[in-house]
Structures are given as C-alpha cells and as structure tokens.
N, C-alpha and C. Protein backbone atom coordinates (compact mmCIF):
# COMPACT_ATOMS: atom_id res chain seq x y z
N MET A 1 0.85 -1.16 -0.15
CA MET A 1 -0.02 0.03 0.00
C MET A 1 0.80 1.34 -0.08
N ALA A 2 0.62 2.23 -0.66
CA ALA A 2 1.35 3.57 -0.84
C ALA A 2 1.34 4.17 0.58
N LYS A 3 2.46 4.64 1.05
CA LYS A 3 2.76 5.22 2.36
C LYS A 3 1.50 6.32 2.55
N ASN A 4 1.34 7.20 1.63
CA ASN A 4 0.42 8.34 1.85
C ASN A 4 -0.86 7.69 2.06
N ALA A 5 -1.22 6.71 1.35
CA ALA A 5 -2.62 6.24 1.41
C ALA A 5 -2.81 5.47 2.81
N GLN A 6 -1.73 4.87 3.33
CA GLN A 6 -1.66 4.23 4.75
C GLN A 6 -1.82 5.35 5.80
N LEU A 7 -1.12 6.37 5.73
CA LEU A 7 -1.18 7.48 6.68
C LEU A 7 -2.54 8.04 6.66
N LYS A 8 -3.08 8.19 5.38
CA LYS A 8 -4.50 8.73 5.41
C LYS A 8 -5.45 7.67 6.02
N GLN A 9 -5.32 6.62 5.74
CA GLN A 9 -6.30 5.55 6.41
C GLN A 9 -6.16 5.60 7.98
N GLU A 10 -4.82 5.69 8.42
CA GLU A 10 -4.71 5.77 9.95
C GLU A 10 -5.30 7.01 10.33
N LEU A 11 -5.35 8.07 9.72
CA LEU A 11 -6.01 9.33 10.39
C LEU A 11 -7.62 9.05 10.21
N VAL A 12 -8.07 8.37 9.27
CA VAL A 12 -9.56 7.98 9.14
C VAL A 12 -9.88 7.07 10.28
N ILE A 13 -9.05 6.13 10.77
CA ILE A 13 -9.27 5.26 11.86
C ILE A 13 -9.24 6.11 13.18
N GLU A 14 -8.22 7.16 13.17
CA GLU A 14 -8.21 7.77 14.38
C GLU A 14 -9.51 8.71 14.51
N ALA A 15 -9.96 9.29 13.44
CA ALA A 15 -11.22 10.07 13.40
C ALA A 15 -12.27 9.17 14.10
N VAL A 16 -12.43 7.90 13.51
CA VAL A 16 -13.47 7.08 14.15
C VAL A 16 -13.23 6.74 15.60
N ARG A 17 -11.95 6.60 16.01
CA ARG A 17 -11.59 6.41 17.38
C ARG A 17 -12.02 7.65 18.33
N ARG A 18 -11.91 8.71 17.81
CA ARG A 18 -12.21 9.84 18.48
C ARG A 18 -13.68 10.18 18.51
N GLY A 19 -14.55 9.58 17.68
CA GLY A 19 -15.89 9.63 17.58
C GLY A 19 -16.38 10.92 16.76
N LEU A 20 -15.57 11.20 15.83
CA LEU A 20 -15.90 12.45 15.02
C LEU A 20 -16.98 11.95 13.91
N ASP A 21 -17.88 12.97 13.70
CA ASP A 21 -18.85 12.68 12.62
C ASP A 21 -18.19 13.01 11.34
N GLU A 22 -18.98 12.72 10.25
CA GLU A 22 -18.20 12.92 8.88
C GLU A 22 -17.58 14.34 8.69
N GLY A 23 -18.37 15.29 8.89
CA GLY A 23 -17.71 16.73 8.72
C GLY A 23 -16.46 17.02 9.66
N ASP A 24 -16.57 16.68 10.93
CA ASP A 24 -15.39 16.72 11.74
C ASP A 24 -14.23 15.84 11.28
N ALA A 25 -14.64 14.58 10.92
CA ALA A 25 -13.58 13.70 10.51
C ALA A 25 -12.86 14.08 9.35
N VAL A 26 -13.55 14.62 8.34
CA VAL A 26 -12.95 15.26 7.16
C VAL A 26 -12.05 16.48 7.56
N ALA A 27 -12.42 17.29 8.42
CA ALA A 27 -11.53 18.41 8.88
C ALA A 27 -10.38 18.04 9.68
N PHE A 28 -10.47 16.93 10.31
CA PHE A 28 -9.32 16.30 11.10
C PHE A 28 -8.54 15.85 10.21
N VAL A 29 -8.78 15.21 9.06
CA VAL A 29 -7.85 14.56 8.32
C VAL A 29 -7.11 15.90 7.48
N ARG A 30 -7.93 16.70 7.12
CA ARG A 30 -7.48 17.83 6.35
C ARG A 30 -6.35 18.58 7.18
N GLN A 31 -6.71 18.82 8.45
CA GLN A 31 -5.80 19.38 9.28
C GLN A 31 -4.42 18.86 9.56
N ASN A 32 -4.59 17.45 9.26
CA ASN A 32 -3.29 16.70 9.24
C ASN A 32 -2.54 16.66 7.98
N GLY A 33 -2.87 17.42 7.01
CA GLY A 33 -2.20 17.55 5.74
C GLY A 33 -2.75 16.71 4.57
N PHE A 34 -3.91 15.89 4.68
CA PHE A 34 -4.22 15.19 3.64
C PHE A 34 -5.64 15.78 3.07
N ALA A 35 -5.87 15.83 1.70
CA ALA A 35 -6.95 16.28 1.01
C ALA A 35 -8.01 15.09 1.17
N LEU A 36 -9.25 15.27 1.71
CA LEU A 36 -10.34 14.40 1.88
C LEU A 36 -11.58 15.00 1.68
N SER A 37 -12.49 14.12 1.08
CA SER A 37 -13.87 14.73 1.14
C SER A 37 -14.79 13.64 1.84
N VAL A 38 -16.10 14.00 2.05
CA VAL A 38 -16.96 13.05 2.89
C VAL A 38 -16.98 11.75 2.10
N ALA A 39 -17.08 11.84 0.61
CA ALA A 39 -17.23 10.65 -0.26
C ALA A 39 -16.03 9.98 -0.05
N GLY A 40 -14.72 10.50 0.04
CA GLY A 40 -13.53 9.82 0.23
C GLY A 40 -13.47 9.07 1.49
N LEU A 41 -13.90 9.95 2.53
CA LEU A 41 -13.89 9.34 3.95
C LEU A 41 -14.78 8.01 3.91
N ASN A 42 -15.82 8.06 3.23
CA ASN A 42 -16.74 6.98 3.33
C ASN A 42 -16.27 5.82 2.51
N ARG A 43 -15.54 6.17 1.32
CA ARG A 43 -14.87 5.00 0.61
C ARG A 43 -13.64 4.31 1.42
N HIS A 44 -12.92 5.16 2.14
CA HIS A 44 -11.98 4.53 2.94
C HIS A 44 -12.46 3.69 4.11
N LEU A 45 -13.71 4.09 4.63
CA LEU A 45 -14.41 3.19 5.68
C LEU A 45 -14.88 1.92 5.08
N ARG A 46 -15.55 2.13 3.80
CA ARG A 46 -16.03 0.82 3.16
C ARG A 46 -14.87 -0.21 2.90
N SER A 47 -13.65 0.37 2.49
CA SER A 47 -12.63 -0.58 2.06
C SER A 47 -12.07 -1.18 3.33
N MET A 48 -12.46 -0.64 4.57
CA MET A 48 -12.05 -1.40 5.70
C MET A 48 -13.22 -2.28 6.32
N GLY A 49 -14.30 -2.31 5.74
CA GLY A 49 -15.47 -3.10 6.25
C GLY A 49 -16.43 -2.27 6.79
N GLY A 50 -16.34 -0.98 6.77
CA GLY A 50 -17.43 0.03 7.32
C GLY A 50 -16.95 0.52 8.67
N ARG A 51 -17.69 1.56 8.98
CA ARG A 51 -17.40 2.14 10.39
C ARG A 51 -17.63 1.27 11.51
N GLY A 52 -18.72 0.36 11.46
CA GLY A 52 -19.01 -0.59 12.47
C GLY A 52 -17.80 -1.63 12.59
N ARG A 53 -17.28 -2.06 11.53
CA ARG A 53 -16.13 -3.06 11.74
C ARG A 53 -14.84 -2.19 12.40
N VAL A 54 -14.69 -1.02 11.98
CA VAL A 54 -13.62 -0.27 12.51
C VAL A 54 -13.76 -0.12 13.95
N LEU A 55 -15.10 0.18 14.44
CA LEU A 55 -15.27 0.32 15.86
C LEU A 55 -15.19 -1.02 16.55
N GLU A 56 -15.60 -2.06 15.89
CA GLU A 56 -15.37 -3.36 16.57
C GLU A 56 -13.85 -3.59 16.82
N LEU A 57 -13.04 -3.27 15.87
CA LEU A 57 -11.58 -3.55 16.02
C LEU A 57 -10.94 -2.55 17.11
N ILE A 58 -11.50 -1.25 17.28
CA ILE A 58 -10.91 -0.46 18.14
C ILE A 58 -11.42 -0.90 19.46
N ASN A 59 -12.72 -1.31 19.67
CA ASN A 59 -12.96 -1.84 21.02
C ASN A 59 -12.40 -3.21 21.42
N ALA A 60 -11.80 -3.91 20.51
CA ALA A 60 -11.01 -5.12 20.77
C ALA A 60 -9.71 -4.64 21.15
N GLY A 61 -9.44 -3.28 21.11
CA GLY A 61 -8.06 -2.91 21.74
C GLY A 61 -6.97 -2.85 20.55
N LYS A 62 -7.29 -2.77 19.48
CA LYS A 62 -6.35 -3.03 18.21
C LYS A 62 -5.81 -1.32 18.14
N THR A 63 -4.43 -1.42 17.61
CA THR A 63 -4.00 0.09 17.39
C THR A 63 -4.41 0.28 15.85
N ASN A 64 -4.12 1.48 15.43
CA ASN A 64 -4.54 1.87 13.97
C ASN A 64 -3.70 1.00 13.14
N GLU A 65 -2.45 0.88 13.36
CA GLU A 65 -1.64 -0.10 12.37
C GLU A 65 -2.20 -1.48 12.31
N GLU A 66 -2.58 -1.99 13.51
CA GLU A 66 -3.19 -3.27 13.60
C GLU A 66 -4.45 -3.43 12.93
N ILE A 67 -5.23 -2.57 13.06
CA ILE A 67 -6.57 -2.48 12.33
C ILE A 67 -6.22 -2.51 10.73
N LEU A 68 -5.38 -1.71 10.23
CA LEU A 68 -4.96 -1.78 8.91
C LEU A 68 -4.57 -3.20 8.39
N GLU A 69 -3.70 -3.75 9.33
CA GLU A 69 -3.28 -5.09 9.04
C GLU A 69 -4.41 -6.16 8.82
N VAL A 70 -5.36 -5.81 9.97
CA VAL A 70 -6.47 -6.90 9.81
C VAL A 70 -7.26 -6.63 8.53
N CYS A 71 -7.67 -5.42 8.15
CA CYS A 71 -8.41 -5.08 6.96
C CYS A 71 -7.67 -5.24 5.68
N PHE A 72 -6.34 -5.13 5.57
CA PHE A 72 -5.72 -5.30 4.29
C PHE A 72 -4.63 -6.29 4.23
N GLY A 73 -4.38 -7.00 5.26
CA GLY A 73 -3.08 -7.89 5.44
C GLY A 73 -1.84 -7.04 5.72
N PRO A 74 -0.91 -7.80 5.99
CA PRO A 74 0.48 -7.07 6.25
C PRO A 74 0.79 -6.26 5.09
N ASP A 75 1.58 -5.16 5.45
CA ASP A 75 2.13 -4.26 4.59
C ASP A 75 3.14 -4.93 3.80
N GLU A 76 2.98 -5.33 2.50
CA GLU A 76 3.82 -6.16 1.63
C GLU A 76 5.16 -5.23 1.26
N ASP A 77 5.00 -3.89 1.07
CA ASP A 77 6.17 -3.16 0.95
C ASP A 77 7.23 -3.18 2.07
N ALA A 78 6.84 -3.31 3.20
CA ALA A 78 7.77 -3.55 4.32
C ALA A 78 8.30 -4.97 4.49
N LEU A 79 7.56 -6.11 4.05
CA LEU A 79 8.08 -7.30 4.05
C LEU A 79 8.83 -7.88 2.86
N SER A 80 8.47 -7.09 1.75
CA SER A 80 9.19 -7.71 0.55
C SER A 80 10.32 -6.92 0.03
N GLU A 81 11.26 -7.71 -0.68
CA GLU A 81 12.40 -6.82 -1.26
C GLU A 81 12.09 -6.60 -2.68
N PRO A 82 12.82 -5.66 -3.25
CA PRO A 82 12.30 -5.18 -4.73
C PRO A 82 12.73 -6.42 -5.59
N ASP A 83 11.80 -6.54 -6.65
CA ASP A 83 11.98 -7.63 -7.69
C ASP A 83 13.36 -7.24 -8.47
N PRO A 84 14.19 -8.21 -8.38
CA PRO A 84 15.42 -8.06 -9.15
C PRO A 84 15.43 -8.31 -10.60
N THR A 85 14.08 -8.63 -11.24
CA THR A 85 14.03 -8.93 -12.63
C THR A 85 14.28 -7.67 -13.31
N PRO A 86 15.10 -7.67 -14.30
CA PRO A 86 15.36 -6.47 -15.17
C PRO A 86 14.16 -6.10 -15.95
N LEU A 87 13.82 -4.86 -16.24
CA LEU A 87 12.80 -4.35 -16.93
C LEU A 87 12.56 -5.21 -18.28
N LEU A 88 13.72 -5.28 -19.05
CA LEU A 88 13.56 -6.05 -20.34
C LEU A 88 12.90 -7.48 -20.15
N GLU A 89 13.34 -8.13 -19.05
CA GLU A 89 12.78 -9.59 -18.95
C GLU A 89 11.16 -9.52 -18.49
N ALA A 90 10.93 -8.32 -17.82
CA ALA A 90 9.52 -8.15 -17.25
C ALA A 90 8.46 -8.09 -18.51
N ARG A 91 9.00 -7.48 -19.72
CA ARG A 91 8.23 -7.34 -20.61
C ARG A 91 8.17 -8.52 -21.61
N GLU A 92 7.57 -9.63 -21.36
CA GLU A 92 7.53 -10.82 -22.04
C GLU A 92 6.55 -10.65 -23.06
N SER A 93 5.19 -10.32 -22.72
CA SER A 93 4.24 -10.29 -23.63
C SER A 93 3.63 -8.95 -23.88
N PRO A 94 2.91 -8.68 -24.92
CA PRO A 94 2.28 -7.24 -25.06
C PRO A 94 1.28 -7.00 -24.04
N LEU A 95 0.79 -7.94 -23.17
CA LEU A 95 -0.22 -7.72 -22.30
C LEU A 95 0.28 -7.80 -20.86
N SER A 96 1.72 -7.93 -20.82
CA SER A 96 2.31 -7.89 -19.53
C SER A 96 2.41 -6.56 -18.71
N ASN A 97 2.09 -5.37 -19.32
CA ASN A 97 2.06 -4.23 -18.68
C ASN A 97 0.59 -3.93 -18.27
N ILE A 98 -0.36 -4.70 -18.39
CA ILE A 98 -1.61 -4.53 -17.95
C ILE A 98 -1.79 -4.58 -16.40
N VAL A 99 -2.29 -3.58 -15.73
CA VAL A 99 -2.29 -3.67 -14.24
C VAL A 99 -3.75 -4.19 -13.86
N ASP A 100 -3.77 -5.21 -12.99
CA ASP A 100 -4.75 -5.52 -12.49
C ASP A 100 -5.36 -4.54 -11.42
N LEU A 101 -6.43 -3.58 -11.76
CA LEU A 101 -6.76 -2.58 -10.94
C LEU A 101 -7.36 -3.07 -9.42
N ARG A 102 -7.94 -4.27 -9.53
CA ARG A 102 -8.37 -4.86 -8.22
C ARG A 102 -7.48 -5.27 -7.27
N ALA A 103 -6.17 -5.44 -7.77
CA ALA A 103 -5.10 -6.03 -6.94
C ALA A 103 -4.56 -4.96 -6.00
N THR A 104 -4.78 -3.70 -6.39
CA THR A 104 -4.23 -2.64 -5.38
C THR A 104 -5.40 -1.95 -4.61
N ALA A 105 -5.19 -1.87 -3.43
CA ALA A 105 -6.21 -1.48 -2.39
C ALA A 105 -6.57 0.06 -2.63
N GLN A 106 -5.72 0.78 -2.91
CA GLN A 106 -5.75 2.17 -2.91
C GLN A 106 -4.92 2.85 -3.84
N PHE A 107 -5.33 4.03 -4.45
CA PHE A 107 -4.48 4.59 -5.53
C PHE A 107 -4.28 6.23 -4.82
N GLU A 108 -3.09 6.53 -5.13
CA GLU A 108 -2.85 7.98 -4.95
C GLU A 108 -3.60 8.84 -5.92
N SER A 109 -3.83 10.08 -5.54
CA SER A 109 -4.65 10.97 -6.31
C SER A 109 -3.70 11.63 -7.38
N ARG A 110 -4.20 11.69 -8.60
CA ARG A 110 -3.25 12.36 -9.79
C ARG A 110 -4.29 13.31 -10.41
N LYS A 111 -3.73 14.41 -10.87
CA LYS A 111 -4.55 15.38 -11.69
C LYS A 111 -4.36 15.10 -13.05
N ILE A 112 -5.50 15.17 -13.87
CA ILE A 112 -5.38 15.15 -15.25
C ILE A 112 -6.18 16.35 -15.85
N SER A 113 -5.78 16.72 -17.15
CA SER A 113 -6.49 17.90 -17.78
C SER A 113 -6.88 17.13 -19.11
N ILE A 114 -8.24 17.36 -19.48
CA ILE A 114 -8.74 16.85 -20.78
C ILE A 114 -9.54 17.81 -21.44
N ARG A 115 -9.66 17.87 -22.74
CA ARG A 115 -10.42 18.67 -23.55
C ARG A 115 -11.79 17.78 -23.87
N VAL A 116 -12.86 18.49 -23.51
CA VAL A 116 -14.17 17.79 -23.91
C VAL A 116 -15.09 18.84 -24.66
N PRO A 117 -16.05 18.26 -25.57
CA PRO A 117 -16.78 19.32 -26.36
C PRO A 117 -17.55 20.20 -25.34
N GLY A 118 -17.90 21.33 -25.80
CA GLY A 118 -18.76 22.23 -24.83
C GLY A 118 -19.94 21.64 -24.40
N ASP A 119 -20.77 20.92 -25.41
CA ASP A 119 -22.01 20.39 -24.88
C ASP A 119 -21.84 19.28 -23.88
N LEU A 120 -20.70 18.43 -23.92
CA LEU A 120 -20.37 17.42 -22.86
C LEU A 120 -20.07 18.05 -21.57
N TYR A 121 -19.28 19.14 -21.67
CA TYR A 121 -18.99 19.83 -20.35
C TYR A 121 -20.26 20.32 -19.67
N GLU A 122 -21.19 21.04 -20.53
CA GLU A 122 -22.36 21.43 -19.87
C GLU A 122 -23.15 20.37 -19.29
N ALA A 123 -23.25 19.37 -20.02
CA ALA A 123 -23.90 18.16 -19.44
C ALA A 123 -23.33 17.60 -18.11
N ILE A 124 -22.04 17.50 -18.06
CA ILE A 124 -21.33 17.24 -16.83
C ILE A 124 -21.69 18.13 -15.69
N ARG A 125 -21.70 19.43 -16.14
CA ARG A 125 -21.83 20.49 -15.11
C ARG A 125 -23.30 20.42 -14.49
N LEU A 126 -24.30 20.07 -15.46
CA LEU A 126 -25.77 19.99 -15.03
C LEU A 126 -26.01 18.68 -14.23
N ALA A 127 -25.28 17.50 -14.75
CA ALA A 127 -25.41 16.34 -13.94
C ALA A 127 -24.98 16.36 -12.53
N ALA A 128 -23.69 17.01 -12.50
CA ALA A 128 -23.11 17.24 -11.14
C ALA A 128 -24.07 18.10 -10.20
N LYS A 129 -24.57 19.12 -10.74
CA LYS A 129 -25.50 20.02 -9.95
C LYS A 129 -26.72 19.33 -9.49
N GLY A 130 -27.19 18.42 -10.38
CA GLY A 130 -28.28 17.60 -10.01
C GLY A 130 -28.36 16.53 -9.16
N GLU A 131 -26.93 16.08 -8.96
CA GLU A 131 -26.48 15.00 -8.21
C GLU A 131 -26.18 15.61 -6.77
N GLY A 132 -25.84 16.92 -6.63
CA GLY A 132 -25.31 17.47 -5.56
C GLY A 132 -23.83 17.21 -5.23
N THR A 133 -23.17 17.17 -6.26
CA THR A 133 -21.71 16.70 -6.16
C THR A 133 -20.80 17.65 -7.00
N SER A 134 -19.45 17.47 -6.81
CA SER A 134 -18.71 18.28 -7.74
C SER A 134 -18.46 17.57 -9.08
N GLN A 135 -18.09 18.34 -10.04
CA GLN A 135 -17.89 17.89 -11.35
C GLN A 135 -16.77 16.72 -11.39
N ASN A 136 -15.75 16.95 -10.57
CA ASN A 136 -14.59 16.13 -10.50
C ASN A 136 -15.18 14.72 -9.98
N GLN A 137 -15.85 14.76 -8.87
CA GLN A 137 -16.38 13.38 -8.27
C GLN A 137 -17.29 12.66 -9.16
N LEU A 138 -18.13 13.52 -9.97
CA LEU A 138 -19.02 12.84 -10.92
C LEU A 138 -18.23 12.12 -11.89
N ILE A 139 -17.17 12.84 -12.36
CA ILE A 139 -16.34 12.09 -13.43
C ILE A 139 -15.69 10.95 -12.91
N VAL A 140 -15.17 11.08 -11.64
CA VAL A 140 -14.49 9.98 -10.99
C VAL A 140 -15.35 8.81 -10.90
N GLU A 141 -16.54 9.15 -10.42
CA GLU A 141 -17.50 7.79 -10.29
C GLU A 141 -17.88 7.35 -11.68
N LEU A 142 -18.07 8.09 -12.59
CA LEU A 142 -18.31 7.57 -13.93
C LEU A 142 -17.26 6.67 -14.44
N LEU A 143 -16.05 7.14 -14.28
CA LEU A 143 -14.86 6.37 -14.82
C LEU A 143 -14.73 5.04 -14.02
N THR A 144 -14.89 5.22 -12.71
CA THR A 144 -14.99 4.12 -11.78
C THR A 144 -15.77 3.01 -12.12
N THR A 145 -17.20 3.53 -12.59
CA THR A 145 -18.20 2.53 -12.99
C THR A 145 -17.86 1.70 -14.22
N ALA A 146 -17.36 2.64 -15.29
CA ALA A 146 -17.01 2.22 -16.49
C ALA A 146 -15.93 1.25 -16.52
N LEU A 147 -14.77 1.44 -15.73
CA LEU A 147 -13.61 0.61 -15.48
C LEU A 147 -13.75 -0.48 -14.79
N SER A 148 -15.01 -0.77 -13.95
CA SER A 148 -15.25 -1.88 -13.17
C SER A 148 -15.96 -2.86 -14.02
N ARG A 149 -16.26 -2.46 -15.32
CA ARG A 149 -16.72 -3.42 -16.23
C ARG A 149 -15.70 -4.17 -17.25
N VAL A 150 -14.45 -3.65 -17.02
CA VAL A 150 -13.52 -4.06 -17.96
C VAL A 150 -13.16 -5.64 -17.59
N PRO A 151 -13.08 -6.35 -18.66
CA PRO A 151 -12.89 -7.74 -18.36
C PRO A 151 -11.75 -8.13 -17.71
N ASP A 152 -11.53 -9.26 -17.06
CA ASP A 152 -10.27 -9.70 -16.44
C ASP A 152 -9.19 -9.82 -17.34
N THR A 153 -7.98 -9.61 -16.98
CA THR A 153 -6.80 -9.71 -17.80
C THR A 153 -6.51 -11.08 -18.46
N LYS A 154 -6.96 -12.03 -17.53
CA LYS A 154 -6.71 -13.52 -17.80
C LYS A 154 -7.51 -13.82 -19.09
N ASP A 155 -8.66 -13.14 -19.23
CA ASP A 155 -9.53 -13.54 -20.55
C ASP A 155 -8.94 -12.81 -21.67
N LEU A 156 -7.86 -11.97 -21.66
CA LEU A 156 -7.46 -11.24 -22.85
C LEU A 156 -6.19 -12.05 -23.36
N HIS A 157 -5.71 -12.93 -22.64
CA HIS A 157 -4.35 -13.79 -22.90
C HIS A 157 -4.88 -14.84 -23.97
C-alpha cells in the first residue's frame, strides 16, 4: 500500500476512534495535511469493512496499524524486497504491462487535464449539480463504474 494512503487511512481510523462525525472527521484529516472529502472518507471506511467494523476492532484494543493489517493484510512493501528482474525481462508479452486494478487497495490521487466538447462539459456541469456533487467527483464515479466493467486480464491472454 502506498505510504500516503496508509497514513490517510490511519487518520480515518483515528477520526473514528475519536468519535468524530463525517464533517469533523474530514476536517481532522485535512488539518493533518491530507485532502479528503466526505465521499473519500466513506470510501476509505467501506474498504476497511465499514465504520462498525472499525469500531469493533477499536473496541477490541487494536492499534490503528493493527486495524490496517486486519483489514488489508500485512504491509507487503515492508516485508518484501524489490524484484530483481530487469525491466526488459519483465516485458515478455504485449499484455504484461496491464495492471490488475483490483489488486491494489488504494490509489494516490493524480490530476489530469482533458479537453471535452462544450455540450459534454455542460452536461457534466448539469449532472453534477443535479447529483449535488462536484464535477470532479461525478467524473471519477463515472470512470470508476465504466472501468469496473473491464474484463479480467486473464480473459485477454
């Protein structure tokens, strides 16, 4: 798991430990230097089994790090050594560079800039307003839904 994502998840757990509601939890995480929205907070909690599961683990006396280990398994980056396979050997087939998106628990945020036709931009603006969300969050949700329908890479070989 990426170190920044792990730190953010520890802050989400700490917010639950402190009994903060959604708005206060988001403010707590932001005060500690991480960008987070209510939707992002809920996404992190769902990935850990939900707020109830996190509370159960807290009540069982687990530390934040132990909770992450229970939810996601041991931190593979800390346990494993780098793969010594040279990059040229790793590129055996044209499909070897396809990443299994479901294999990674959390992605770091990245910014992209795209050009869209004016009517599409207006449709996104109106849809986001109708959903009560930001245009960015709407686009992320649409892309996530579309990419969740991508067939397994094993079917492409």
